[in-house]
Amino acid sequence: MTKASDVFTLKNGNNVEVTFIGRGGQVTGINVPDAKGNIADVVIGYETVDAALAGDGYFGALCGRFANRIVDGKFELDGTKYQLDINNGPNHLHGGNEGFNSRTWDVEPYADAKYAQAYKLSLVSPDGDQNYPGELTISVIYGLTEENEFVIDYTAETTKATIINLTSHAYFNLKGAGTGTVENHELELNASKYTPISAELGTVTGEIADVKGTAMDFIDTKKIGEACNSDDAQVKLVDGIDHNFVISGFDGNLRIAARLTDPESGREMEVYTDQPGVQIYTGSHFDSSETGKLGAPIEKWAGVALETQIFPDSPNKENFPNAVLQPGETYKHTCVYKFI
């Protein structure tokens, strides 16, 4: 039986190393060399397992049953109305007060020739868990390839119609955790549209808008700080970026969603997914009150999350992608973080 504090490590032959713990499948570190072979941990977090267990439970964790926000925590499915936890202003966030990030997953080694090393994480969410319908059985593969790809492969099945949206919530700083902000990181997104948010709702309105002419335009590479320090009304709402971007050309197949580069170290990360959206969040709620890696305070914009997923509040927006899983169907989601 896996314990919350159990530590697991994935390694390949290129000195890339991914570390995670049983609680939430929480990725506590990703060590990546730069072009000169200098290794840095590029995931925001804490120095010790005890600190990780006591600290921000979303850092690097698996989030669900529905990641991101649901307006007023309400949705209707097959004529039945459901009320979920309200745990983020007026809304439901990341599965509720006891979301999957707070659960201890069962972890076991997983053999597959395409991975240098892999683990399988399993969880059963009972019918009625956090007021969600259906018993949901989830498997997640964490695999590391010799091509420096950290692959997260999700599958899930349910006994009743339910809603689902799983994601991983790591914050990246390619210069190295504890070495400052990501303002100088360069970001490119395969997204010509995004879903604006409103102050009143605290999340998406249902609109799908063009990024052109806004701070959300990352079609051509630009520095994250250029957007975060702009006077764009959407940026001002969240003191940075906390928005869902619509991946161009989505067809359910794996395609590139984002490319993040740190010019100083030369480290680069590409993000691939078969999901329709990617939530970019620059950690505006970090206020230096917590001590992170290298003994440095976790400051505003210390890292950026790139969460592949279905759109926020999809169960309540007819024009958004389907988030309903029926019995007999299998939810599938692949996310790849490739380090270059």
C-alpha atoms as a PDB file:
ATOM      1  CA  MET A   1       0.000   0.000   0.000  1.00  0.00           C
ATOM      2  CA  THR A   2       1.431   3.343  -1.084  1.00  0.00           C
ATOM      3  CA  LYS A   3       1.851   6.005   1.592  1.00  0.00           C
ATOM      4  CA  ALA A   4       1.421   9.756   1.046  1.00  0.00           C
ATOM      5  CA  SER A   5       5.116  10.360   1.746  1.00  0.00           C
ATOM      6  CA  ASP A   6       6.470   7.584  -0.483  1.00  0.00           C
ATOM      7  CA  VAL A   7       8.957   8.946  -3.024  1.00  0.00           C
ATOM      8  CA  PHE A   8       9.316   7.617  -6.570  1.00  0.00           C
ATOM      9  CA  THR A   9      11.915   8.550  -9.177  1.00  0.00           C
ATOM     10  CA  LEU A  10      12.077   8.257 -12.962  1.00  0.00           C
ATOM     11  CA  LYS A  11      15.490   8.490 -14.627  1.00  0.00           C
ATOM     12  CA  ASN A  12      16.840   8.265 -18.162  1.00  0.00           C
ATOM     13  CA  GLY A  13      20.325   8.168 -19.636  1.00  0.00           C
ATOM     14  CA  ASN A  14      20.518  11.943 -20.173  1.00  0.00           C
ATOM     15  CA  ASN A  15      20.508  12.954 -16.498  1.00  0.00           C
ATOM     16  CA  VAL A  16      16.833  13.892 -16.598  1.00  0.00           C
ATOM     17  CA  GLU A  17      15.104  12.877 -13.384  1.00  0.00           C
ATOM     18  CA  VAL A  18      11.448  13.177 -12.320  1.00  0.00           C
ATOM     19  CA  THR A  19      10.516  12.757  -8.659  1.00  0.00           C
ATOM     20  CA  PHE A  20       6.987  12.414  -7.275  1.00  0.00           C
ATOM     21  CA  ILE A  21       5.210  11.325  -4.106  1.00  0.00           C
ATOM     22  CA  GLY A  22       2.175   9.170  -3.372  1.00  0.00           C
ATOM     23  CA  ARG A  23      -0.077  12.022  -2.223  1.00  0.00           C
ATOM     24  CA  GLY A  24      -1.666  13.487  -5.335  1.00  0.00           C
ATOM     25  CA  GLY A  25       0.972  11.890  -7.550  1.00  0.00           C
ATOM     26  CA  GLN A  26       2.632  15.210  -6.785  1.00  0.00           C
ATOM     27  CA  VAL A  27       5.659  15.924  -8.973  1.00  0.00           C
ATOM     28  CA  THR A  28       8.140  17.338  -6.471  1.00  0.00           C
ATOM     29  CA  GLY A  29      11.085  17.788  -8.818  1.00  0.00           C
ATOM     30  CA  ILE A  30      12.269  17.572 -12.409  1.00  0.00           C
ATOM     31  CA  ASN A  31      16.026  17.809 -12.844  1.00  0.00           C
ATOM     32  CA  VAL A  32      17.079  18.849 -16.347  1.00  0.00           C
ATOM     33  CA  PRO A  33      20.567  19.644 -17.707  1.00  0.00           C
ATOM     34  CA  ASP A  34      21.189  22.728 -19.823  1.00  0.00           C
ATOM     35  CA  ALA A  35      23.337  22.729 -22.970  1.00  0.00           C
ATOM     36  CA  LYS A  36      26.488  22.764 -20.834  1.00  0.00           C
ATOM     37  CA  GLY A  37      25.314  19.896 -18.658  1.00  0.00           C
ATOM     38  CA  ASN A  38      24.440  22.046 -15.667  1.00  0.00           C
ATOM     39  CA  ILE A  39      21.488  20.453 -13.876  1.00  0.00           C
ATOM     40  CA  ALA A  40      18.662  22.414 -12.286  1.00  0.00           C
ATOM     41  CA  ASP A  41      15.311  21.475 -10.768  1.00  0.00           C
ATOM     42  CA  VAL A  42      12.782  23.229 -13.004  1.00  0.00           C
ATOM     43  CA  VAL A  43       9.614  22.624 -10.936  1.00  0.00           C
ATOM     44  CA  ILE A  44       8.451  25.069  -8.256  1.00  0.00           C
ATOM     45  CA  GLY A  45       7.990  23.445  -4.855  1.00  0.00           C
ATOM     46  CA  TYR A  46       9.641  22.627  -1.563  1.00  0.00           C
ATOM     47  CA  GLU A  47      12.964  21.241  -0.384  1.00  0.00           C
ATOM     48  CA  THR A  48      11.563  18.269   1.537  1.00  0.00           C
ATOM     49  CA  VAL A  49       8.704  15.782   1.381  1.00  0.00           C
ATOM     50  CA  ASP A  50       7.412  16.979   4.749  1.00  0.00           C
ATOM     51  CA  ALA A  51       7.281  20.535   3.440  1.00  0.00           C
ATOM     52  CA  ALA A  52       5.478  19.365   0.298  1.00  0.00           C
ATOM     53  CA  LEU A  53       2.877  17.520   2.366  1.00  0.00           C
ATOM     54  CA  ALA A  54       2.345  20.597   4.544  1.00  0.00           C
ATOM     55  CA  GLY A  55       2.435  23.151   1.724  1.00  0.00           C
ATOM     56  CA  ASP A  56       0.449  23.986  -1.399  1.00  0.00           C
ATOM     57  CA  GLY A  57      -1.266  20.720  -2.291  1.00  0.00           C
ATOM     58  CA  TYR A  58      -1.698  21.649  -5.951  1.00  0.00           C
ATOM     59  CA  PHE A  59       2.038  21.963  -6.703  1.00  0.00           C
ATOM     60  CA  GLY A  60       2.733  19.294  -9.315  1.00  0.00           C
ATOM     61  CA  ALA A  61      -0.363  17.299  -8.362  1.00  0.00           C
ATOM     62  CA  LEU A  62      -2.993  15.432 -10.358  1.00  0.00           C
ATOM     63  CA  CYS A  63      -6.219  17.447 -10.226  1.00  0.00           C
ATOM     64  CA  GLY A  64      -9.782  16.177 -10.661  1.00  0.00           C
ATOM     65  CA  ARG A  65     -12.489  14.930 -10.872  1.00  0.00           C
ATOM     66  CA  PHE A  66     -12.974  18.201 -12.761  1.00  0.00           C
ATOM     67  CA  ALA A  67      -9.865  20.366 -12.924  1.00  0.00           C
ATOM     68  CA  ASN A  68     -10.240  24.120 -13.282  1.00  0.00           C
ATOM     69  CA  ARG A  69     -13.457  25.953 -12.434  1.00  0.00           C
ATOM     70  CA  ILE A  70     -17.180  25.251 -12.566  1.00  0.00           C
ATOM     71  CA  VAL A  71     -19.368  28.326 -12.117  1.00  0.00           C
ATOM     72  CA  ASP A  72     -21.229  28.254  -8.790  1.00  0.00           C
ATOM     73  CA  GLY A  73     -20.187  24.594  -8.488  1.00  0.00           C
ATOM     74  CA  LYS A  74     -23.344  23.602 -10.350  1.00  0.00           C
ATOM     75  CA  PHE A  75     -24.027  21.407 -13.352  1.00  0.00           C
ATOM     76  CA  GLU A  76     -26.907  19.359 -14.712  1.00  0.00           C
ATOM     77  CA  LEU A  77     -26.569  15.893 -16.218  1.00  0.00           C
ATOM     78  CA  ASP A  78     -29.382  13.742 -17.597  1.00  0.00           C
ATOM     79  CA  GLY A  79     -31.961  15.912 -15.848  1.00  0.00           C
ATOM     80  CA  THR A  80     -30.315  15.754 -12.417  1.00  0.00           C
ATOM     81  CA  LYS A  81     -28.805  18.873 -10.861  1.00  0.00           C
ATOM     82  CA  TYR A  82     -25.565  18.563  -8.909  1.00  0.00           C
ATOM     83  CA  GLN A  83     -24.024  20.941  -6.383  1.00  0.00           C
ATOM     84  CA  LEU A  84     -20.263  20.653  -5.876  1.00  0.00           C
ATOM     85  CA  ASP A  85     -17.980  22.253  -3.294  1.00  0.00           C
ATOM     86  CA  ILE A  86     -17.491  26.010  -3.521  1.00  0.00           C
ATOM     87  CA  ASN A  87     -13.767  26.327  -2.822  1.00  0.00           C
ATOM     88  CA  ASN A  88     -12.542  29.156  -5.087  1.00  0.00           C
ATOM     89  CA  GLY A  89     -14.465  32.372  -4.576  1.00  0.00           C
ATOM     90  CA  PRO A  90     -17.971  31.618  -5.898  1.00  0.00           C
ATOM     91  CA  ASN A  91     -16.805  28.572  -7.866  1.00  0.00           C
ATOM     92  CA  HIS A  92     -15.738  24.953  -7.704  1.00  0.00           C
ATOM     93  CA  LEU A  93     -12.034  24.355  -8.383  1.00  0.00           C
ATOM     94  CA  HIS A  94      -9.965  21.227  -9.118  1.00  0.00           C
ATOM     95  CA  GLY A  95     -12.464  18.690  -7.821  1.00  0.00           C
ATOM     96  CA  GLY A  96     -13.366  20.338  -4.520  1.00  0.00           C
ATOM     97  CA  ASN A  97     -12.045  20.496  -0.986  1.00  0.00           C
ATOM     98  CA  GLU A  98     -10.898  16.863  -1.175  1.00  0.00           C
ATOM     99  CA  GLY A  99      -9.898  16.663  -4.818  1.00  0.00           C
ATOM    100  CA  PHE A 100      -7.629  14.035  -6.332  1.00  0.00           C
ATOM    101  CA  ASN A 101      -4.588  16.145  -5.430  1.00  0.00           C
ATOM    102  CA  SER A 102      -5.250  15.309  -1.762  1.00  0.00           C
ATOM    103  CA  ARG A 103      -5.624  11.545  -2.284  1.00  0.00           C
ATOM    104  CA  THR A 104      -2.875   8.981  -1.926  1.00  0.00           C
ATOM    105  CA  TRP A 105      -2.639   7.145  -5.235  1.00  0.00           C
ATOM    106  CA  ASP A 106      -1.603   3.504  -5.505  1.00  0.00           C
ATOM    107  CA  VAL A 107       1.759   3.457  -7.296  1.00  0.00           C
ATOM    108  CA  GLU A 108       3.467   0.500  -8.940  1.00  0.00           C
ATOM    109  CA  PRO A 109       6.259   0.077 -11.512  1.00  0.00           C
ATOM    110  CA  TYR A 110       5.060  -0.062 -15.115  1.00  0.00           C
ATOM    111  CA  ALA A 111       6.907  -1.757 -17.959  1.00  0.00           C
ATOM    112  CA  ASP A 112       6.736  -0.362 -21.481  1.00  0.00           C
ATOM    113  CA  ALA A 113       9.578  -0.428 -24.000  1.00  0.00           C
ATOM    114  CA  LYS A 114       8.945   3.180 -25.056  1.00  0.00           C
ATOM    115  CA  TYR A 115       9.889   4.442 -21.583  1.00  0.00           C
ATOM    116  CA  ALA A 116      13.255   4.472 -19.891  1.00  0.00           C
ATOM    117  CA  GLN A 117      11.254   4.101 -16.695  1.00  0.00           C
ATOM    118  CA  ALA A 118       7.575   4.362 -15.801  1.00  0.00           C
ATOM    119  CA  TYR A 119       5.052   4.039 -12.981  1.00  0.00           C
ATOM    120  CA  LYS A 120       1.323   3.419 -12.956  1.00  0.00           C
ATOM    121  CA  LEU A 121      -0.793   5.454 -10.527  1.00  0.00           C
ATOM    122  CA  SER A 122      -4.294   4.196  -9.715  1.00  0.00           C
ATOM    123  CA  LEU A 123      -7.256   5.653  -7.862  1.00  0.00           C
ATOM    124  CA  VAL A 124     -10.926   4.748  -7.391  1.00  0.00           C
ATOM    125  CA  SER A 125     -13.270   7.652  -6.729  1.00  0.00           C
ATOM    126  CA  PRO A 126     -16.551   6.290  -5.291  1.00  0.00           C
ATOM    127  CA  ASP A 127     -20.015   7.205  -6.503  1.00  0.00           C
ATOM    128  CA  GLY A 128     -20.952  10.494  -4.820  1.00  0.00           C
ATOM    129  CA  ASP A 129     -17.355  11.485  -4.111  1.00  0.00           C
ATOM    130  CA  GLN A 130     -17.378  15.287  -3.669  1.00  0.00           C
ATOM    131  CA  ASN A 131     -20.995  15.004  -4.962  1.00  0.00           C
ATOM    132  CA  TYR A 132     -19.912  13.740  -8.389  1.00  0.00           C
ATOM    133  CA  PRO A 133     -21.996  10.865  -9.818  1.00  0.00           C
ATOM    134  CA  GLY A 134     -20.560   7.464 -10.698  1.00  0.00           C
ATOM    135  CA  GLU A 135     -17.692   5.369  -9.419  1.00  0.00           C
ATOM    136  CA  LEU A 136     -14.688   6.549 -11.389  1.00  0.00           C
ATOM    137  CA  THR A 137     -11.666   4.273 -11.855  1.00  0.00           C
ATOM    138  CA  ILE A 138      -8.548   6.163 -12.944  1.00  0.00           C
ATOM    139  CA  SER A 139      -5.135   5.052 -14.152  1.00  0.00           C
ATOM    140  CA  VAL A 140      -2.295   7.455 -14.859  1.00  0.00           C
ATOM    141  CA  ILE A 141       1.038   6.460 -16.376  1.00  0.00           C
ATOM    142  CA  TYR A 142       4.056   8.610 -15.563  1.00  0.00           C
ATOM    143  CA  GLY A 143       6.684   7.692 -18.148  1.00  0.00           C
ATOM    144  CA  LEU A 144      10.100   9.171 -18.958  1.00  0.00           C
ATOM    145  CA  THR A 145      11.629   8.483 -22.380  1.00  0.00           C
ATOM    146  CA  GLU A 146      15.218   8.619 -23.579  1.00  0.00           C
ATOM    147  CA  GLU A 147      14.108  11.594 -25.701  1.00  0.00           C
ATOM    148  CA  ASN A 148      13.620  13.586 -22.469  1.00  0.00           C
ATOM    149  CA  GLU A 149       9.836  13.397 -22.668  1.00  0.00           C
ATOM    150  CA  PHE A 150       7.880  13.256 -19.422  1.00  0.00           C
ATOM    151  CA  VAL A 151       4.643  11.617 -20.525  1.00  0.00           C
ATOM    152  CA  ILE A 152       1.442  11.703 -18.469  1.00  0.00           C
ATOM    153  CA  ASP A 153      -1.122   9.286 -19.875  1.00  0.00           C
ATOM    154  CA  TYR A 154      -4.578   9.272 -18.267  1.00  0.00           C
ATOM    155  CA  THR A 155      -7.448   6.803 -18.647  1.00  0.00           C
ATOM    156  CA  ALA A 156     -10.695   6.564 -16.681  1.00  0.00           C
ATOM    157  CA  GLU A 157     -13.994   4.693 -16.686  1.00  0.00           C
ATOM    158  CA  THR A 158     -17.241   5.324 -14.827  1.00  0.00           C
ATOM    159  CA  THR A 159     -20.287   3.366 -13.638  1.00  0.00           C
ATOM    160  CA  LYS A 160     -22.657   6.321 -14.225  1.00  0.00           C
ATOM    161  CA  ALA A 161     -22.630   9.333 -16.488  1.00  0.00           C
ATOM    162  CA  THR A 162     -20.302  11.891 -14.942  1.00  0.00           C
ATOM    163  CA  ILE A 163     -18.092  14.834 -15.839  1.00  0.00           C
ATOM    164  CA  ILE A 164     -14.333  14.597 -15.967  1.00  0.00           C
ATOM    165  CA  ASN A 165     -11.355  16.838 -16.632  1.00  0.00           C
ATOM    166  CA  LEU A 166      -7.994  15.680 -15.303  1.00  0.00           C
ATOM    167  CA  THR A 167      -4.755  17.651 -15.396  1.00  0.00           C
ATOM    168  CA  SER A 168      -1.299  17.992 -13.859  1.00  0.00           C
ATOM    169  CA  HIS A 169      -0.538  21.192 -11.966  1.00  0.00           C
ATOM    170  CA  ALA A 170       3.247  21.618 -12.057  1.00  0.00           C
ATOM    171  CA  TYR A 171       4.712  25.126 -12.215  1.00  0.00           C
ATOM    172  CA  PHE A 172       7.849  25.418 -14.329  1.00  0.00           C
ATOM    173  CA  ASN A 173      10.821  27.738 -14.119  1.00  0.00           C
ATOM    174  CA  LEU A 174      13.392  26.563 -16.663  1.00  0.00           C
ATOM    175  CA  LYS A 175      16.148  28.675 -15.144  1.00  0.00           C
ATOM    176  CA  GLY A 176      15.616  26.678 -11.954  1.00  0.00           C
ATOM    177  CA  ALA A 177      13.208  26.807  -9.044  1.00  0.00           C
ATOM    178  CA  GLY A 178      14.158  29.494  -6.532  1.00  0.00           C
ATOM    179  CA  THR A 179      16.107  31.614  -9.027  1.00  0.00           C
ATOM    180  CA  GLY A 180      13.576  34.383  -9.644  1.00  0.00           C
ATOM    181  CA  THR A 181      10.497  34.848 -11.810  1.00  0.00           C
ATOM    182  CA  VAL A 182       9.570  33.587 -15.275  1.00  0.00           C
ATOM    183  CA  GLU A 183       9.081  37.096 -16.652  1.00  0.00           C
ATOM    184  CA  ASN A 184      12.025  36.651 -19.048  1.00  0.00           C
ATOM    185  CA  HIS A 185      10.857  33.216 -20.185  1.00  0.00           C
ATOM    186  CA  GLU A 186       9.684  33.187 -23.777  1.00  0.00           C
ATOM    187  CA  LEU A 187       6.351  31.530 -24.519  1.00  0.00           C
ATOM    188  CA  GLU A 188       4.844  30.435 -27.806  1.00  0.00           C
ATOM    189  CA  LEU A 189       1.329  28.967 -27.940  1.00  0.00           C
ATOM    190  CA  ASN A 190      -0.401  27.061 -30.705  1.00  0.00           C
ATOM    191  CA  ALA A 191      -3.547  29.029 -29.973  1.00  0.00           C
ATOM    192  CA  SER A 192      -5.186  31.800 -31.983  1.00  0.00           C
ATOM    193  CA  LYS A 193      -8.159  31.902 -29.595  1.00  0.00           C
ATOM    194  CA  TYR A 194      -8.744  31.894 -25.851  1.00  0.00           C
ATOM    195  CA  THR A 195     -11.658  31.959 -23.407  1.00  0.00           C
ATOM    196  CA  PRO A 196     -11.949  35.355 -21.667  1.00  0.00           C
ATOM    197  CA  ILE A 197     -12.898  35.562 -17.998  1.00  0.00           C
ATOM    198  CA  SER A 198     -15.116  37.958 -16.085  1.00  0.00           C
ATOM    199  CA  ALA A 199     -14.665  39.450 -12.633  1.00  0.00           C
ATOM    200  CA  GLU A 200     -18.304  38.710 -11.854  1.00  0.00           C
ATOM    201  CA  LEU A 201     -18.098  34.985 -12.651  1.00  0.00           C
ATOM    202  CA  GLY A 202     -14.504  34.514 -11.545  1.00  0.00           C
ATOM    203  CA  THR A 203     -13.909  32.377 -14.607  1.00  0.00           C
ATOM    204  CA  VAL A 204     -14.877  31.985 -18.266  1.00  0.00           C
ATOM    205  CA  THR A 205     -17.940  33.642 -19.779  1.00  0.00           C
ATOM    206  CA  GLY A 206     -18.460  31.143 -22.593  1.00  0.00           C
ATOM    207  CA  GLU A 207     -16.955  33.453 -25.190  1.00  0.00           C
ATOM    208  CA  ILE A 208     -14.209  32.166 -27.463  1.00  0.00           C
ATOM    209  CA  ALA A 209     -12.205  35.204 -28.561  1.00  0.00           C
ATOM    210  CA  ASP A 210      -9.301  35.951 -30.876  1.00  0.00           C
ATOM    211  CA  VAL A 211      -5.961  36.544 -29.157  1.00  0.00           C
ATOM    212  CA  LYS A 212      -4.923  38.979 -31.879  1.00  0.00           C
ATOM    213  CA  GLY A 213      -4.485  42.490 -30.531  1.00  0.00           C
ATOM    214  CA  THR A 214      -4.507  41.334 -26.895  1.00  0.00           C
ATOM    215  CA  ALA A 215      -1.889  40.430 -24.302  1.00  0.00           C
ATOM    216  CA  MET A 216      -2.980  36.819 -24.820  1.00  0.00           C
ATOM    217  CA  ASP A 217      -1.347  36.674 -28.247  1.00  0.00           C
ATOM    218  CA  PHE A 218       1.533  34.204 -27.991  1.00  0.00           C
ATOM    219  CA  ILE A 219       1.272  32.973 -31.563  1.00  0.00           C
ATOM    220  CA  ASP A 220       4.660  34.577 -32.086  1.00  0.00           C
ATOM    221  CA  THR A 221       7.107  33.986 -29.226  1.00  0.00           C
ATOM    222  CA  LYS A 222       7.218  36.722 -26.605  1.00  0.00           C
ATOM    223  CA  LYS A 223       8.309  37.165 -23.026  1.00  0.00           C
ATOM    224  CA  ILE A 224       5.801  36.241 -20.342  1.00  0.00           C
ATOM    225  CA  GLY A 225       6.584  39.481 -18.521  1.00  0.00           C
ATOM    226  CA  GLU A 226       5.466  41.491 -21.538  1.00  0.00           C
ATOM    227  CA  ALA A 227       1.956  40.113 -21.021  1.00  0.00           C
ATOM    228  CA  CYS A 228       1.966  40.076 -17.209  1.00  0.00           C
ATOM    229  CA  ASN A 229       3.095  43.694 -16.966  1.00  0.00           C
ATOM    230  CA  SER A 230       0.664  44.970 -19.597  1.00  0.00           C
ATOM    231  CA  ASP A 231      -2.452  47.067 -19.042  1.00  0.00           C
ATOM    232  CA  ASP A 232      -4.672  44.512 -20.761  1.00  0.00           C
ATOM    233  CA  ALA A 233      -7.989  44.287 -18.884  1.00  0.00           C
ATOM    234  CA  GLN A 234      -7.865  40.480 -18.814  1.00  0.00           C
ATOM    235  CA  VAL A 235      -4.375  40.566 -17.277  1.00  0.00           C
ATOM    236  CA  LYS A 236      -5.474  43.083 -14.652  1.00  0.00           C
ATOM    237  CA  LEU A 237      -8.301  40.782 -13.529  1.00  0.00           C
ATOM    238  CA  VAL A 238      -5.863  38.124 -12.296  1.00  0.00           C
ATOM    239  CA  ASP A 239      -2.600  40.113 -12.008  1.00  0.00           C
ATOM    240  CA  GLY A 240      -1.010  38.020 -14.748  1.00  0.00           C
ATOM    241  CA  ILE A 241      -2.269  35.142 -16.841  1.00  0.00           C
ATOM    242  CA  ASP A 242      -4.777  32.568 -15.624  1.00  0.00           C
ATOM    243  CA  HIS A 243      -6.515  31.745 -18.882  1.00  0.00           C
ATOM    244  CA  ASN A 244      -7.529  28.813 -21.011  1.00  0.00           C
ATOM    245  CA  PHE A 245      -6.161  28.821 -24.553  1.00  0.00           C
ATOM    246  CA  VAL A 246      -7.886  27.020 -27.409  1.00  0.00           C
ATOM    247  CA  ILE A 247      -5.403  24.743 -29.161  1.00  0.00           C
ATOM    248  CA  SER A 248      -5.457  25.371 -32.899  1.00  0.00           C
ATOM    249  CA  GLY A 249      -6.336  22.427 -35.103  1.00  0.00           C
ATOM    250  CA  PHE A 250      -7.637  20.275 -32.240  1.00  0.00           C
ATOM    251  CA  ASP A 251      -8.840  16.921 -33.568  1.00  0.00           C
ATOM    252  CA  GLY A 252      -8.215  14.582 -30.646  1.00  0.00           C
ATOM    253  CA  ASN A 253      -4.709  13.686 -31.823  1.00  0.00           C
ATOM    254  CA  LEU A 254      -1.453  14.605 -30.107  1.00  0.00           C
ATOM    255  CA  ARG A 255      -0.210  18.006 -31.230  1.00  0.00           C
ATOM    256  CA  ILE A 256       1.984  20.776 -29.918  1.00  0.00           C
ATOM    257  CA  ALA A 257       0.315  23.189 -27.517  1.00  0.00           C
ATOM    258  CA  ALA A 258       3.164  25.317 -26.199  1.00  0.00           C
ATOM    259  CA  ARG A 259       6.883  26.012 -26.285  1.00  0.00           C
ATOM    260  CA  LEU A 260       8.588  27.581 -23.260  1.00  0.00           C
ATOM    261  CA  THR A 261      12.186  28.818 -23.355  1.00  0.00           C
ATOM    262  CA  ASP A 262      14.553  30.314 -20.811  1.00  0.00           C
ATOM    263  CA  PRO A 263      17.076  32.367 -22.826  1.00  0.00           C
ATOM    264  CA  GLU A 264      19.555  32.508 -19.935  1.00  0.00           C
ATOM    265  CA  SER A 265      20.003  28.762 -19.418  1.00  0.00           C
ATOM    266  CA  GLY A 266      18.971  27.758 -22.911  1.00  0.00           C
ATOM    267  CA  ARG A 267      16.545  25.167 -21.544  1.00  0.00           C
ATOM    268  CA  GLU A 268      13.448  24.662 -23.622  1.00  0.00           C
ATOM    269  CA  MET A 269      10.249  22.704 -23.014  1.00  0.00           C
ATOM    270  CA  GLU A 270       7.634  21.706 -25.550  1.00  0.00           C
ATOM    271  CA  VAL A 271       4.143  20.677 -24.458  1.00  0.00           C
ATOM    272  CA  TYR A 272       2.079  18.249 -26.517  1.00  0.00           C
ATOM    273  CA  THR A 273      -1.483  17.100 -25.881  1.00  0.00           C
ATOM    274  CA  ASP A 274      -4.587  15.536 -27.397  1.00  0.00           C
ATOM    275  CA  GLN A 275      -6.842  17.827 -25.327  1.00  0.00           C
ATOM    276  CA  PRO A 276      -8.599  20.958 -26.697  1.00  0.00           C
ATOM    277  CA  GLY A 277      -7.176  23.466 -24.236  1.00  0.00           C
ATOM    278  CA  VAL A 278      -4.204  24.493 -22.151  1.00  0.00           C
ATOM    279  CA  GLN A 279      -4.534  26.646 -19.031  1.00  0.00           C
ATOM    280  CA  ILE A 280      -1.617  29.033 -18.612  1.00  0.00           C
ATOM    281  CA  TYR A 281      -1.219  30.274 -15.046  1.00  0.00           C
ATOM    282  CA  THR A 282       1.634  32.489 -13.911  1.00  0.00           C
ATOM    283  CA  GLY A 283       1.147  32.023 -10.160  1.00  0.00           C
ATOM    284  CA  SER A 284      -0.054  35.501  -9.277  1.00  0.00           C
ATOM    285  CA  HIS A 285      -1.225  34.280  -5.852  1.00  0.00           C
ATOM    286  CA  PHE A 286       2.337  33.506  -4.738  1.00  0.00           C
ATOM    287  CA  ASP A 287       3.192  36.186  -2.176  1.00  0.00           C
ATOM    288  CA  SER A 288       6.644  35.171  -0.858  1.00  0.00           C
ATOM    289  CA  SER A 289       5.101  33.945   2.393  1.00  0.00           C
ATOM    290  CA  GLU A 290       6.315  30.389   1.753  1.00  0.00           C
ATOM    291  CA  THR A 291       9.894  29.207   1.477  1.00  0.00           C
ATOM    292  CA  GLY A 292      10.626  27.037  -1.539  1.00  0.00           C
ATOM    293  CA  LYS A 293      13.636  25.394  -3.132  1.00  0.00           C
ATOM    294  CA  LEU A 294      17.101  26.870  -2.561  1.00  0.00           C
ATOM    295  CA  GLY A 295      15.624  28.533   0.537  1.00  0.00           C
ATOM    296  CA  ALA A 296      14.086  31.233  -1.633  1.00  0.00           C
ATOM    297  CA  PRO A 297      10.612  32.693  -1.083  1.00  0.00           C
ATOM    298  CA  ILE A 298       8.008  31.559  -3.596  1.00  0.00           C
ATOM    299  CA  GLU A 299       7.279  34.910  -5.173  1.00  0.00           C
ATOM    300  CA  LYS A 300       4.672  36.143  -7.620  1.00  0.00           C
ATOM    301  CA  TRP A 301       5.284  34.739 -11.122  1.00  0.00           C
ATOM    302  CA  ALA A 302       7.938  32.336  -9.769  1.00  0.00           C
ATOM    303  CA  GLY A 303       6.728  29.703 -12.207  1.00  0.00           C
ATOM    304  CA  VAL A 304       4.229  29.068 -14.960  1.00  0.00           C
ATOM    305  CA  ALA A 305       1.746  26.184 -15.121  1.00  0.00           C
ATOM    306  CA  LEU A 306       0.824  24.726 -18.506  1.00  0.00           C
ATOM    307  CA  GLU A 307      -2.190  22.519 -17.757  1.00  0.00           C
ATOM    308  CA  THR A 308      -3.562  20.556 -20.716  1.00  0.00           C
ATOM    309  CA  GLN A 309      -7.286  19.970 -20.316  1.00  0.00           C
ATOM    310  CA  ILE A 310     -10.886  20.500 -21.389  1.00  0.00           C
ATOM    311  CA  PHE A 311     -12.132  24.104 -21.059  1.00  0.00           C
ATOM    312  CA  PRO A 312     -13.239  25.503 -17.676  1.00  0.00           C
ATOM    313  CA  ASP A 313     -16.986  25.233 -16.989  1.00  0.00           C
ATOM    314  CA  SER A 314     -17.468  23.027 -20.057  1.00  0.00           C
ATOM    315  CA  PRO A 315     -20.419  21.165 -18.479  1.00  0.00           C
ATOM    316  CA  ASN A 316     -22.374  24.448 -18.508  1.00  0.00           C
ATOM    317  CA  LYS A 317     -21.295  25.778 -21.913  1.00  0.00           C
ATOM    318  CA  GLU A 318     -22.869  24.125 -24.942  1.00  0.00           C
ATOM    319  CA  ASN A 319     -20.264  25.636 -27.265  1.00  0.00           C
ATOM    320  CA  PHE A 320     -17.365  24.208 -25.227  1.00  0.00           C
ATOM    321  CA  PRO A 321     -15.892  20.708 -25.659  1.00  0.00           C
ATOM    322  CA  ASN A 322     -17.707  17.728 -24.184  1.00  0.00           C
ATOM    323  CA  ALA A 323     -16.695  16.840 -20.620  1.00  0.00           C
ATOM    324  CA  VAL A 324     -19.243  14.063 -20.049  1.00  0.00           C
ATOM    325  CA  LEU A 325     -18.059  10.483 -19.651  1.00  0.00           C
ATOM    326  CA  GLN A 326     -20.649   7.733 -20.106  1.00  0.00           C
ATOM    327  CA  PRO A 327     -20.512   4.149 -18.822  1.00  0.00           C
ATOM    328  CA  GLY A 328     -18.805   1.968 -21.414  1.00  0.00           C
ATOM    329  CA  GLU A 329     -16.631   4.846 -22.621  1.00  0.00           C
ATOM    330  CA  THR A 330     -12.998   5.436 -21.712  1.00  0.00           C
ATOM    331  CA  TYR A 331     -11.649   8.892 -20.941  1.00  0.00           C
ATOM    332  CA  LYS A 332      -8.217   9.321 -22.463  1.00  0.00           C
ATOM    333  CA  HIS A 333      -5.806  12.213 -22.128  1.00  0.00           C
ATOM    334  CA  THR A 334      -2.105  12.404 -22.973  1.00  0.00           C
ATOM    335  CA  CYS A 335       0.215  15.238 -22.039  1.00  0.00           C
ATOM    336  CA  VAL A 336       3.905  15.328 -22.936  1.00  0.00           C
ATOM    337  CA  TYR A 337       6.470  17.719 -21.465  1.00  0.00           C
ATOM    338  CA  LYS A 338       9.552  17.434 -23.676  1.00  0.00           C
ATOM    339  CA  PHE A 339      12.802  19.000 -22.481  1.00  0.00           C
ATOM    340  CA  ILE A 340      15.277  20.169 -25.090  1.00  0.00           C
END
